[in-house]
Structure formats: C-alpha cells, structure tokens
Amino acid sequence: MQPAVCHTFYNSGMNQIDILLPFGLPPEDLAKDLLRQCKSPALATLLARAKVLHTEELDPFSRALPHETWLAKKFLSPGFEPETSPPIAGAQLRQHGLQADSGTWFIVQPVHFHIARDHLVLTDPRQLNLPDEESRILFEAARPLFEEAGKTLVYGDAATWFVQADDWHGLRTATPDAACGHNIDIWMPKGDAELAWRKLQNEVQMHWHMHELNAQREARGAKMVNSLWLWGGSTVSHGAQASKTAPYSETFNLRGWTAALGAASTKDNSDCYAIDTILAQPRQGLVMIDALLTSSLASDWGSWLQIMEMLDTEWFTLYVSALQGGRLQRVNLILTNNTRLAEFSVSRNSLRKFWVKPNLNRLLP
C-alpha cells in the first residue's frame, strides 16, 4: 500500500493526469450486483463529483477492445475504427530495437486454443507463462515453415514475434484480448489472404502438436502452445510515424504492445505507483492501470471486486488527496468494459461539491 499524499502544494501551472482503467466498468448484466458489493469510496467521490465528457457503445464484435481503440485513436490515428486491430506492428518492431526498412509487418503471438463443446476458443495468452528459452525453441521450429511460404519471421520476445507479409496488407485482424474467451472462427483474420494464413497456421500447429517441448509442458501441467495469433498489421513507415506522435508529456505503466505507444512521449515510465505519477507533476500525463484485465477476461468477478478495492486504496485515494492539496489540477477517468467506454473529468474545484454524496452510479450502464 502506498502512503497518502499529505502535503499541500499549490501548482501555478495546469497539470492533468488521464487514468485509463480497462474493465473499470462492470459487465451490464452484473453491474448492479457488483457495485452493491464494491467498496471504493475514493473512486465514488471522484465519479460523483466529475463531469461526464463522453460515453460510447461499441460493437461487441469489434476487433479491438474499447480501451485498445481509445489508445489507437490517441496515439496512432484519430480516425481509427476497430474493423481491424490497431496497426501497431511497425512501432513495436522499433520498440524491440529491430530494424526493418520497408514492407507490411504483423505481430505473431504463440497461443493456446482450447476445445469448447463445438468450437475452438483462444485462451488469454497471459496464462501461457512462456519462458524465453521455450519460445525460442518453438520459434526455430516454425521459422522454416514461414520461409517456405515466402515470409520472414523475426523474434521479438517470448510473447511477441513478427512476420513480414507484404501481400497480406489487407487482412483484418483482431487483438488477442478482443478474441480471447470466444469462438476463434469469428475473430480469425479476414480478407483475400486469409486462406494463406490459415494454411500456414495449420502447418505450424501440426509441427508443434508432436513437439517434445509441448509434451514436457503438458507433463508439468502447463498449457500446450498449440497455435499462433496474427494481428497488428502495419507498414514500417506507419510505425515510424506513430513513434513521433506524442499526445502526452509523460506516460506511466504502458506495457506489452502499448509500451510502443508511450515511446513517443517525452518520458515513458514503467512499473510506477500512484505516488510516482503525482510527484512527476506531468503537464499532461497518461497512466494505464491494467490490474483488472486478467480477472475480467476470465470472468472472475470475485477477483474483480478485490482488485477494485485495492485500486481504491492504493491509487484513487491518493488522487483525491492530490487534487485537494493542489498537486494536481485535473484528473480524467477513462473507464471501459468489453463494449462500452465512459470518460469523466474531475477538478480540484469540483471536489468541493461536498453536498454531492459519493456513489458509483455512473458505472452503471
């Protein structure tokens, strides 16, 4: 638990923090029950005294989750629509220190498909816990198959590979988080090259199915790595352009593919606590709090409640104190679930509305 901000500090300039909280909105069918149990007094204070900036309903079959779409619009293109996944591969190549002069690149992730009653479902890739050594073994097993198909496969890290596929530039793909927990047929790449991808994917699946590494993983109770997920297609030039875009002076806790977005900011900070973001006094900062992602994607709402209470103590209480003490002038909250996004803005002055009783009603659909 982080200490509360207790010093009064009057800031002569304007400083603001945007807080992006994926799955901070409960699912529509459980919202009333969850909020009845949710003990988040600081968040309730911020929300009740905030101004509503924007609300939006998204298609449940969008190929990016609402928070992913919001990030893509902020950092990549204001006109981005989730008919495909955010075009992030080029920027992430650069983030990994990899050089590519031209072409269309995609992110390739090792994943696990599990069998439901009559279809295959993508498991949250975070559950694989794939170490670098094992990922490299599987990469080397897959690379010749990509080469036979005329594609260049490049290793980024254990969870992130890249493939150059100039003739696949029109494929509409989905982010792993948008697709996980669902029938993969709906979320697989669509377009003229979809059959070429499926053929290559099937060949890799067959080779990996009999691979000794998967037998070892299965023996120790780990999930087999039995397929690949393709997404994030972009040109290298698009990636270079994205890396120059800086809507924020500082970003905090952008991880995974979102870290490539934060690279454009003046300062990009990882593994920060609330107190770090406040003491940084960013002119305009963005902090992403992704603590609810895993439990929400797994529909583990008991854990969701516990994490919400932890966030209230370790994050939102400090932001209330920072606003009251003048360390921050404004906090914007961007809350999402899998189909909805809501933005709120709370200032130091609006917190003085003592007659407005704290409540979480604005989290309701």
Protein backbone atom coordinates (compact mmCIF):
# COMPACT_ATOMS: atom_id res chain seq x y z
CA MET A 1 0.00 0.00 0.00
CA GLN A 2 1.36 3.43 -0.92
CA PRO A 3 1.33 6.34 1.55
CA ALA A 4 -1.31 9.01 1.04
CA VAL A 5 -0.28 12.41 -0.26
CA CYS A 6 -0.48 14.68 2.77
CA HIS A 7 1.41 17.84 1.75
CA THR A 8 -0.41 20.88 0.39
CA PHE A 9 1.15 22.15 -2.84
CA TYR A 10 -0.26 24.97 -4.90
CA ASN A 11 0.72 24.50 -8.50
CA SER A 12 0.84 27.65 -10.59
CA GLY A 13 0.60 25.73 -13.88
CA MET A 14 -2.00 23.37 -15.24
CA ASN A 15 -1.22 19.71 -14.77
CA GLN A 16 -3.50 16.83 -15.56
CA ILE A 17 -3.47 13.04 -15.44
CA ASP A 18 -5.65 10.84 -17.60
CA ILE A 19 -6.28 7.46 -15.96
CA LEU A 20 -7.16 4.64 -18.34
CA LEU A 21 -8.77 1.75 -16.45
CA PRO A 22 -9.67 -1.15 -18.75
CA PHE A 23 -12.68 -3.05 -17.38
CA GLY A 24 -13.32 -0.40 -14.76
CA LEU A 25 -16.93 -0.63 -15.97
CA PRO A 26 -18.62 -3.82 -14.76
CA PRO A 27 -20.48 -6.01 -17.29
CA GLU A 28 -24.02 -4.84 -17.93
CA ASP A 29 -25.76 -7.98 -16.65
CA LEU A 30 -23.83 -8.00 -13.35
CA ALA A 31 -23.33 -4.28 -12.79
CA LYS A 32 -25.94 -3.71 -10.07
CA ASP A 33 -24.89 -6.74 -8.03
CA LEU A 34 -21.17 -5.98 -8.32
CA LEU A 35 -21.50 -2.30 -7.44
CA ARG A 36 -23.65 -3.18 -4.44
CA GLN A 37 -20.64 -5.12 -3.11
CA CYS A 38 -17.90 -2.79 -4.34
CA LYS A 39 -16.16 -0.79 -1.59
CA SER A 40 -14.42 2.04 -3.45
CA PRO A 41 -15.13 5.30 -1.57
CA ALA A 42 -12.39 7.36 -3.26
CA LEU A 43 -13.47 6.34 -6.76
CA ALA A 44 -17.07 7.02 -5.72
CA THR A 45 -16.06 10.55 -4.71
CA LEU A 46 -14.25 11.20 -7.99
CA LEU A 47 -17.09 9.87 -10.14
CA ALA A 48 -19.95 11.54 -8.28
CA ARG A 49 -18.32 14.98 -8.47
CA ALA A 50 -16.96 14.63 -12.00
CA LYS A 51 -18.31 15.94 -15.27
CA VAL A 52 -19.23 13.36 -17.91
CA LEU A 53 -17.11 14.03 -21.00
CA HIS A 54 -18.07 11.19 -23.29
CA THR A 55 -19.82 7.82 -23.38
CA GLU A 56 -19.79 5.35 -26.22
CA GLU A 57 -21.20 1.93 -27.04
CA LEU A 58 -19.07 -0.30 -29.27
CA ASP A 59 -19.95 -3.31 -31.37
CA PRO A 60 -19.40 -6.49 -29.31
CA PHE A 61 -17.73 -7.98 -32.38
CA SER A 62 -15.23 -5.13 -32.76
CA ARG A 63 -11.73 -6.39 -33.46
CA ALA A 64 -10.24 -4.31 -30.66
CA LEU A 65 -11.49 -3.72 -27.13
CA PRO A 66 -12.73 -0.22 -26.25
CA HIS A 67 -9.57 0.72 -24.33
CA GLU A 68 -7.43 -0.52 -27.22
CA THR A 69 -9.48 1.55 -29.65
CA TRP A 70 -9.12 4.60 -27.39
CA LEU A 71 -5.33 4.18 -27.31
CA ALA A 72 -5.16 3.72 -31.09
CA LYS A 73 -7.14 6.92 -31.65
CA LYS A 74 -4.95 8.86 -29.23
CA PHE A 75 -1.57 7.67 -30.44
CA LEU A 76 -1.97 6.30 -33.98
CA SER A 77 -4.89 7.86 -35.82
CA PRO A 78 -7.90 9.88 -34.60
CA GLY A 79 -9.98 8.18 -37.30
CA PHE A 80 -9.12 4.62 -36.27
CA GLU A 81 -12.11 2.27 -36.28
CA PRO A 82 -11.94 -1.24 -34.79
CA GLU A 83 -12.78 -3.03 -38.04
CA THR A 84 -9.26 -4.39 -37.61
CA SER A 85 -6.69 -4.41 -34.82
CA PRO A 86 -4.57 -1.30 -34.15
CA PRO A 87 -1.72 -1.01 -36.71
CA ILE A 88 0.99 -1.38 -34.11
CA ALA A 89 3.50 -3.90 -35.55
CA GLY A 90 5.80 -1.28 -37.08
CA ALA A 91 6.02 0.72 -33.86
CA GLN A 92 6.56 -2.41 -31.81
CA LEU A 93 9.37 -3.54 -34.11
CA ARG A 94 11.12 -0.29 -33.29
CA GLN A 95 10.34 -0.72 -29.59
CA HIS A 96 12.17 -4.07 -29.70
CA GLY A 97 15.17 -2.47 -31.39
CA LEU A 98 14.56 -4.37 -34.63
CA GLN A 99 15.31 -2.80 -37.99
CA ALA A 100 13.03 -3.12 -41.00
CA ASP A 101 13.42 -0.85 -44.00
CA SER A 102 10.09 -1.43 -45.68
CA GLY A 103 7.07 -3.67 -46.04
CA THR A 104 3.98 -4.74 -44.13
CA TRP A 105 4.56 -6.46 -40.81
CA PHE A 106 2.29 -8.27 -38.38
CA ILE A 107 2.66 -9.34 -34.77
CA VAL A 108 2.62 -13.11 -34.28
CA GLN A 109 1.93 -14.46 -30.80
CA PRO A 110 2.29 -18.06 -29.59
CA VAL A 111 -1.07 -19.01 -28.07
CA HIS A 112 -3.21 -21.84 -26.74
CA PHE A 113 -6.54 -22.84 -28.26
CA HIS A 114 -8.79 -24.95 -26.05
CA ILE A 115 -11.72 -27.03 -27.22
CA ALA A 116 -15.22 -25.96 -26.23
CA ARG A 117 -18.31 -28.03 -26.99
CA ASP A 118 -18.25 -27.47 -30.75
CA HIS A 119 -15.55 -24.88 -31.43
CA LEU A 120 -12.07 -23.66 -30.52
CA VAL A 121 -11.53 -20.83 -28.04
CA LEU A 122 -8.49 -18.59 -27.64
CA THR A 123 -7.11 -18.71 -24.09
CA ASP A 124 -5.76 -15.49 -22.60
CA PRO A 125 -2.09 -15.54 -23.74
CA ARG A 126 -1.01 -14.33 -20.29
CA GLN A 127 -1.89 -17.77 -18.96
CA LEU A 128 0.81 -19.43 -21.07
CA ASN A 129 3.68 -18.17 -18.90
CA LEU A 130 6.00 -18.99 -21.80
CA PRO A 131 9.69 -18.52 -20.89
CA ASP A 132 12.14 -17.13 -23.42
CA GLU A 133 14.02 -20.41 -23.83
CA GLU A 134 10.86 -22.34 -24.74
CA SER A 135 9.60 -19.60 -27.02
CA ARG A 136 12.86 -19.64 -28.98
CA ILE A 137 12.62 -23.41 -29.43
CA LEU A 138 9.12 -23.09 -30.88
CA PHE A 139 10.22 -20.12 -32.98
CA GLU A 140 13.01 -22.16 -34.58
CA ALA A 141 10.55 -24.97 -35.29
CA ALA A 142 8.15 -22.56 -37.01
CA ARG A 143 10.62 -20.41 -38.93
CA PRO A 144 11.32 -22.88 -41.79
CA LEU A 145 7.58 -23.16 -42.43
CA PHE A 146 7.32 -19.39 -42.77
CA GLU A 147 10.33 -19.34 -45.07
CA GLU A 148 8.75 -21.99 -47.29
CA ALA A 149 5.72 -19.72 -47.56
CA GLY A 150 7.96 -16.81 -48.57
CA LYS A 151 7.56 -14.97 -45.26
CA THR A 152 10.20 -13.56 -42.90
CA LEU A 153 9.69 -14.47 -39.23
CA VAL A 154 11.56 -12.38 -36.64
CA TYR A 155 11.86 -12.95 -32.89
CA GLY A 156 10.96 -10.07 -30.58
CA ASP A 157 10.45 -11.61 -27.15
CA ALA A 158 8.84 -14.71 -25.68
CA ALA A 159 5.31 -13.48 -26.38
CA THR A 160 5.95 -11.36 -29.46
CA TRP A 161 7.22 -12.38 -32.87
CA PHE A 162 6.92 -10.53 -36.15
CA VAL A 163 6.28 -11.60 -39.73
CA GLN A 164 6.80 -9.60 -42.89
CA ALA A 165 3.93 -10.32 -45.27
CA ASP A 166 3.56 -7.56 -47.84
CA ASP A 167 0.82 -9.39 -49.73
CA TRP A 168 -1.29 -9.72 -46.56
CA HIS A 169 -1.64 -5.96 -46.04
CA GLY A 170 -5.44 -6.06 -46.42
CA LEU A 171 -6.06 -8.64 -43.70
CA ARG A 172 -8.49 -7.55 -40.99
CA THR A 173 -7.23 -8.97 -37.72
CA ALA A 174 -8.27 -8.89 -34.06
CA THR A 175 -6.27 -8.23 -30.91
CA PRO A 176 -5.76 -11.28 -28.66
CA ASP A 177 -7.65 -9.61 -25.81
CA ALA A 178 -10.65 -8.89 -28.05
CA ALA A 179 -10.71 -12.51 -29.21
CA CYS A 180 -9.82 -14.46 -26.08
CA GLY A 181 -12.63 -16.41 -24.50
CA HIS A 182 -14.54 -16.51 -27.79
CA ASN A 183 -15.03 -18.80 -30.77
CA ILE A 184 -11.93 -18.14 -32.86
CA ASP A 185 -13.79 -18.53 -36.17
CA ILE A 186 -15.41 -15.13 -35.63
CA TRP A 187 -12.11 -13.42 -34.84
CA MET A 188 -9.70 -15.05 -37.28
CA PRO A 189 -8.09 -12.82 -39.96
CA LYS A 190 -10.47 -11.91 -42.78
CA GLY A 191 -9.58 -10.83 -46.30
CA ASP A 192 -8.05 -12.02 -49.54
CA ALA A 193 -5.07 -13.64 -47.79
CA GLU A 194 -6.99 -15.39 -45.01
CA LEU A 195 -6.65 -18.84 -46.59
CA ALA A 196 -2.89 -18.38 -46.99
CA TRP A 197 -2.61 -17.52 -43.30
CA ARG A 198 -4.79 -20.44 -42.21
CA LYS A 199 -2.72 -22.86 -44.28
CA LEU A 200 0.50 -21.65 -42.66
CA GLN A 201 -1.10 -21.61 -39.22
CA ASN A 202 -2.28 -25.21 -39.65
CA GLU A 203 1.19 -26.36 -40.69
CA VAL A 204 2.72 -24.80 -37.59
CA GLN A 205 0.02 -26.36 -35.41
CA MET A 206 0.79 -29.83 -36.79
CA HIS A 207 4.52 -29.45 -36.17
CA TRP A 208 4.01 -28.15 -32.66
CA HIS A 209 1.43 -30.78 -31.75
CA MET A 210 4.07 -33.52 -31.74
CA HIS A 211 6.92 -31.34 -30.47
CA GLU A 212 8.77 -32.63 -27.42
CA LEU A 213 8.52 -29.25 -25.74
CA ASN A 214 4.74 -29.41 -25.67
CA ALA A 215 4.89 -32.92 -24.23
CA GLN A 216 7.11 -31.56 -21.45
CA ARG A 217 4.77 -28.63 -20.80
CA GLU A 218 1.76 -30.93 -20.66
CA ALA A 219 3.56 -33.28 -18.26
CA ARG A 220 4.16 -30.47 -15.77
CA GLY A 221 0.60 -29.19 -16.05
CA ALA A 222 1.32 -26.18 -18.26
CA LYS A 223 -0.83 -25.32 -21.25
CA MET A 224 0.44 -26.52 -24.61
CA VAL A 225 1.48 -23.86 -27.10
CA ASN A 226 -0.60 -25.12 -30.00
CA SER A 227 -1.19 -22.19 -32.34
CA LEU A 228 -0.31 -18.64 -33.40
CA TRP A 229 -2.30 -15.41 -33.36
CA LEU A 230 -1.76 -12.85 -36.14
CA TRP A 231 -2.64 -9.19 -35.60
CA GLY A 232 -1.44 -5.57 -35.57
CA GLY A 233 -0.56 -5.30 -39.27
CA SER A 234 1.11 -2.06 -40.34
CA THR A 235 3.72 -0.71 -42.68
CA VAL A 236 7.14 0.22 -41.35
CA SER A 237 6.53 3.84 -42.38
CA HIS A 238 3.31 3.84 -40.34
CA GLY A 239 5.29 2.58 -37.37
CA ALA A 240 7.87 5.35 -37.79
CA GLN A 241 5.11 7.95 -37.98
CA ALA A 242 3.42 6.57 -34.85
CA SER A 243 6.69 6.74 -32.93
CA LYS A 244 6.76 10.54 -33.44
CA THR A 245 3.24 11.11 -32.14
CA ALA A 246 3.21 12.46 -28.58
CA PRO A 247 -0.24 13.38 -27.23
CA TYR A 248 1.14 13.19 -23.66
CA SER A 249 4.18 14.72 -22.00
CA GLU A 250 4.56 11.62 -19.82
CA THR A 251 3.10 8.13 -19.83
CA PHE A 252 3.05 5.62 -17.00
CA ASN A 253 2.65 1.84 -16.94
CA LEU A 254 2.14 1.24 -20.66
CA ARG A 255 3.08 -2.42 -21.02
CA GLY A 256 3.12 -5.02 -23.76
CA TRP A 257 2.22 -3.58 -27.14
CA THR A 258 1.07 -0.32 -25.56
CA ALA A 259 4.66 0.40 -24.50
CA ALA A 260 5.43 1.15 -28.15
CA LEU A 261 2.90 3.99 -27.95
CA GLY A 262 4.48 5.53 -24.88
CA ALA A 263 7.88 5.66 -26.58
CA ALA A 264 6.74 8.84 -28.34
CA SER A 265 6.25 10.73 -25.07
CA THR A 266 8.88 12.95 -23.50
CA LYS A 267 9.08 10.47 -20.65
CA ASP A 268 7.80 6.89 -20.57
CA ASN A 269 7.72 5.33 -17.11
CA SER A 270 7.07 1.68 -16.31
CA ASP A 271 6.12 -0.01 -13.04
CA CYS A 272 5.02 3.19 -11.31
CA TYR A 273 2.78 3.65 -8.31
CA ALA A 274 0.22 6.41 -7.87
CA ILE A 275 2.61 8.50 -5.79
CA ASP A 276 5.16 8.40 -8.65
CA THR A 277 2.65 9.76 -11.14
CA ILE A 278 1.64 12.55 -8.77
CA LEU A 279 5.16 13.63 -7.82
CA ALA A 280 6.11 13.72 -11.52
CA GLN A 281 3.64 16.62 -11.88
CA PRO A 282 3.15 15.94 -15.60
CA ARG A 283 1.83 18.77 -17.74
CA GLN A 284 -0.39 16.17 -19.35
CA GLY A 285 0.16 12.58 -18.26
CA LEU A 286 -1.44 9.24 -19.01
CA VAL A 287 -1.41 6.32 -16.61
CA MET A 288 -2.79 2.95 -17.60
CA ILE A 289 -3.94 0.70 -14.77
CA ASP A 290 -4.32 -2.78 -16.24
CA ALA A 291 -4.84 -4.68 -12.98
CA LEU A 292 -8.42 -5.67 -13.89
CA LEU A 293 -7.63 -7.17 -17.30
CA THR A 294 -6.84 -10.75 -16.35
CA SER A 295 -9.76 -11.24 -13.96
CA SER A 296 -12.22 -9.59 -16.37
CA LEU A 297 -11.16 -11.63 -19.38
CA ALA A 298 -11.59 -14.74 -17.22
CA SER A 299 -14.99 -13.52 -15.91
CA ASP A 300 -13.62 -13.82 -12.37
CA TRP A 301 -15.76 -11.13 -10.77
CA GLY A 302 -14.84 -12.03 -7.21
CA SER A 303 -11.24 -11.10 -8.00
CA TRP A 304 -12.50 -8.02 -9.85
CA LEU A 305 -14.12 -6.77 -6.64
CA GLN A 306 -10.98 -7.40 -4.61
CA ILE A 307 -8.80 -5.59 -7.14
CA MET A 308 -11.19 -2.63 -7.32
CA GLU A 309 -10.91 -2.23 -3.55
CA MET A 310 -7.12 -2.45 -3.75
CA LEU A 311 -7.04 0.18 -6.50
CA ASP A 312 -9.19 2.47 -4.39
CA THR A 313 -6.73 2.28 -1.51
CA GLU A 314 -3.50 2.40 -3.48
CA TRP A 315 -4.49 4.72 -6.34
CA PHE A 316 -7.74 6.64 -6.16
CA THR A 317 -7.36 7.74 -2.54
CA LEU A 318 -4.05 9.35 -3.46
CA TYR A 319 -5.55 11.14 -6.46
CA VAL A 320 -8.32 12.58 -4.29
CA SER A 321 -5.68 13.86 -1.87
CA ALA A 322 -3.53 15.24 -4.70
CA LEU A 323 -6.48 17.17 -6.13
CA GLN A 324 -7.49 18.51 -2.73
CA GLY A 325 -3.90 19.53 -1.94
CA GLY A 326 -3.23 21.21 -5.28
CA ARG A 327 -0.62 18.80 -6.62
CA LEU A 328 -2.97 18.02 -9.49
CA GLN A 329 -5.39 20.38 -11.16
CA ARG A 330 -7.45 17.79 -13.01
CA VAL A 331 -7.92 14.03 -13.28
CA ASN A 332 -9.73 12.44 -16.20
CA LEU A 333 -11.02 8.89 -15.82
CA ILE A 334 -11.42 6.69 -18.90
CA LEU A 335 -13.26 3.52 -17.90
CA THR A 336 -14.23 0.66 -20.19
CA ASN A 337 -15.54 -2.87 -20.41
CA ASN A 338 -15.77 -5.08 -23.49
CA THR A 339 -18.44 -2.98 -25.23
CA ARG A 340 -18.58 0.42 -23.52
CA LEU A 341 -16.38 3.42 -22.79
CA ALA A 342 -17.05 6.35 -20.45
CA GLU A 343 -14.88 9.42 -19.79
CA PHE A 344 -15.16 11.65 -16.73
CA SER A 345 -13.30 14.77 -15.65
CA VAL A 346 -12.86 15.94 -12.08
CA SER A 347 -11.05 19.09 -10.96
CA ARG A 348 -9.94 20.45 -7.62
CA ASN A 349 -12.92 22.79 -7.61
CA SER A 350 -15.46 20.10 -8.42
CA LEU A 351 -14.25 18.03 -5.46
CA ARG A 352 -15.52 20.83 -3.22
CA LYS A 353 -19.12 19.88 -4.00
CA PHE A 354 -19.46 18.39 -0.52
CA TRP A 355 -23.22 18.20 -0.92
CA VAL A 356 -22.83 15.57 -3.67
CA LYS A 357 -22.79 12.20 -1.95
CA PRO A 358 -20.08 9.78 -3.20
CA ASN A 359 -21.56 6.95 -5.25
CA LEU A 360 -20.69 4.57 -8.08
CA ASN A 361 -23.90 5.03 -10.07
CA ARG A 362 -22.02 6.33 -13.09
CA LEU A 363 -20.52 2.88 -13.55
CA LEU A 364 -24.00 1.54 -14.32
CA PRO A 365 -24.98 1.05 -17.98
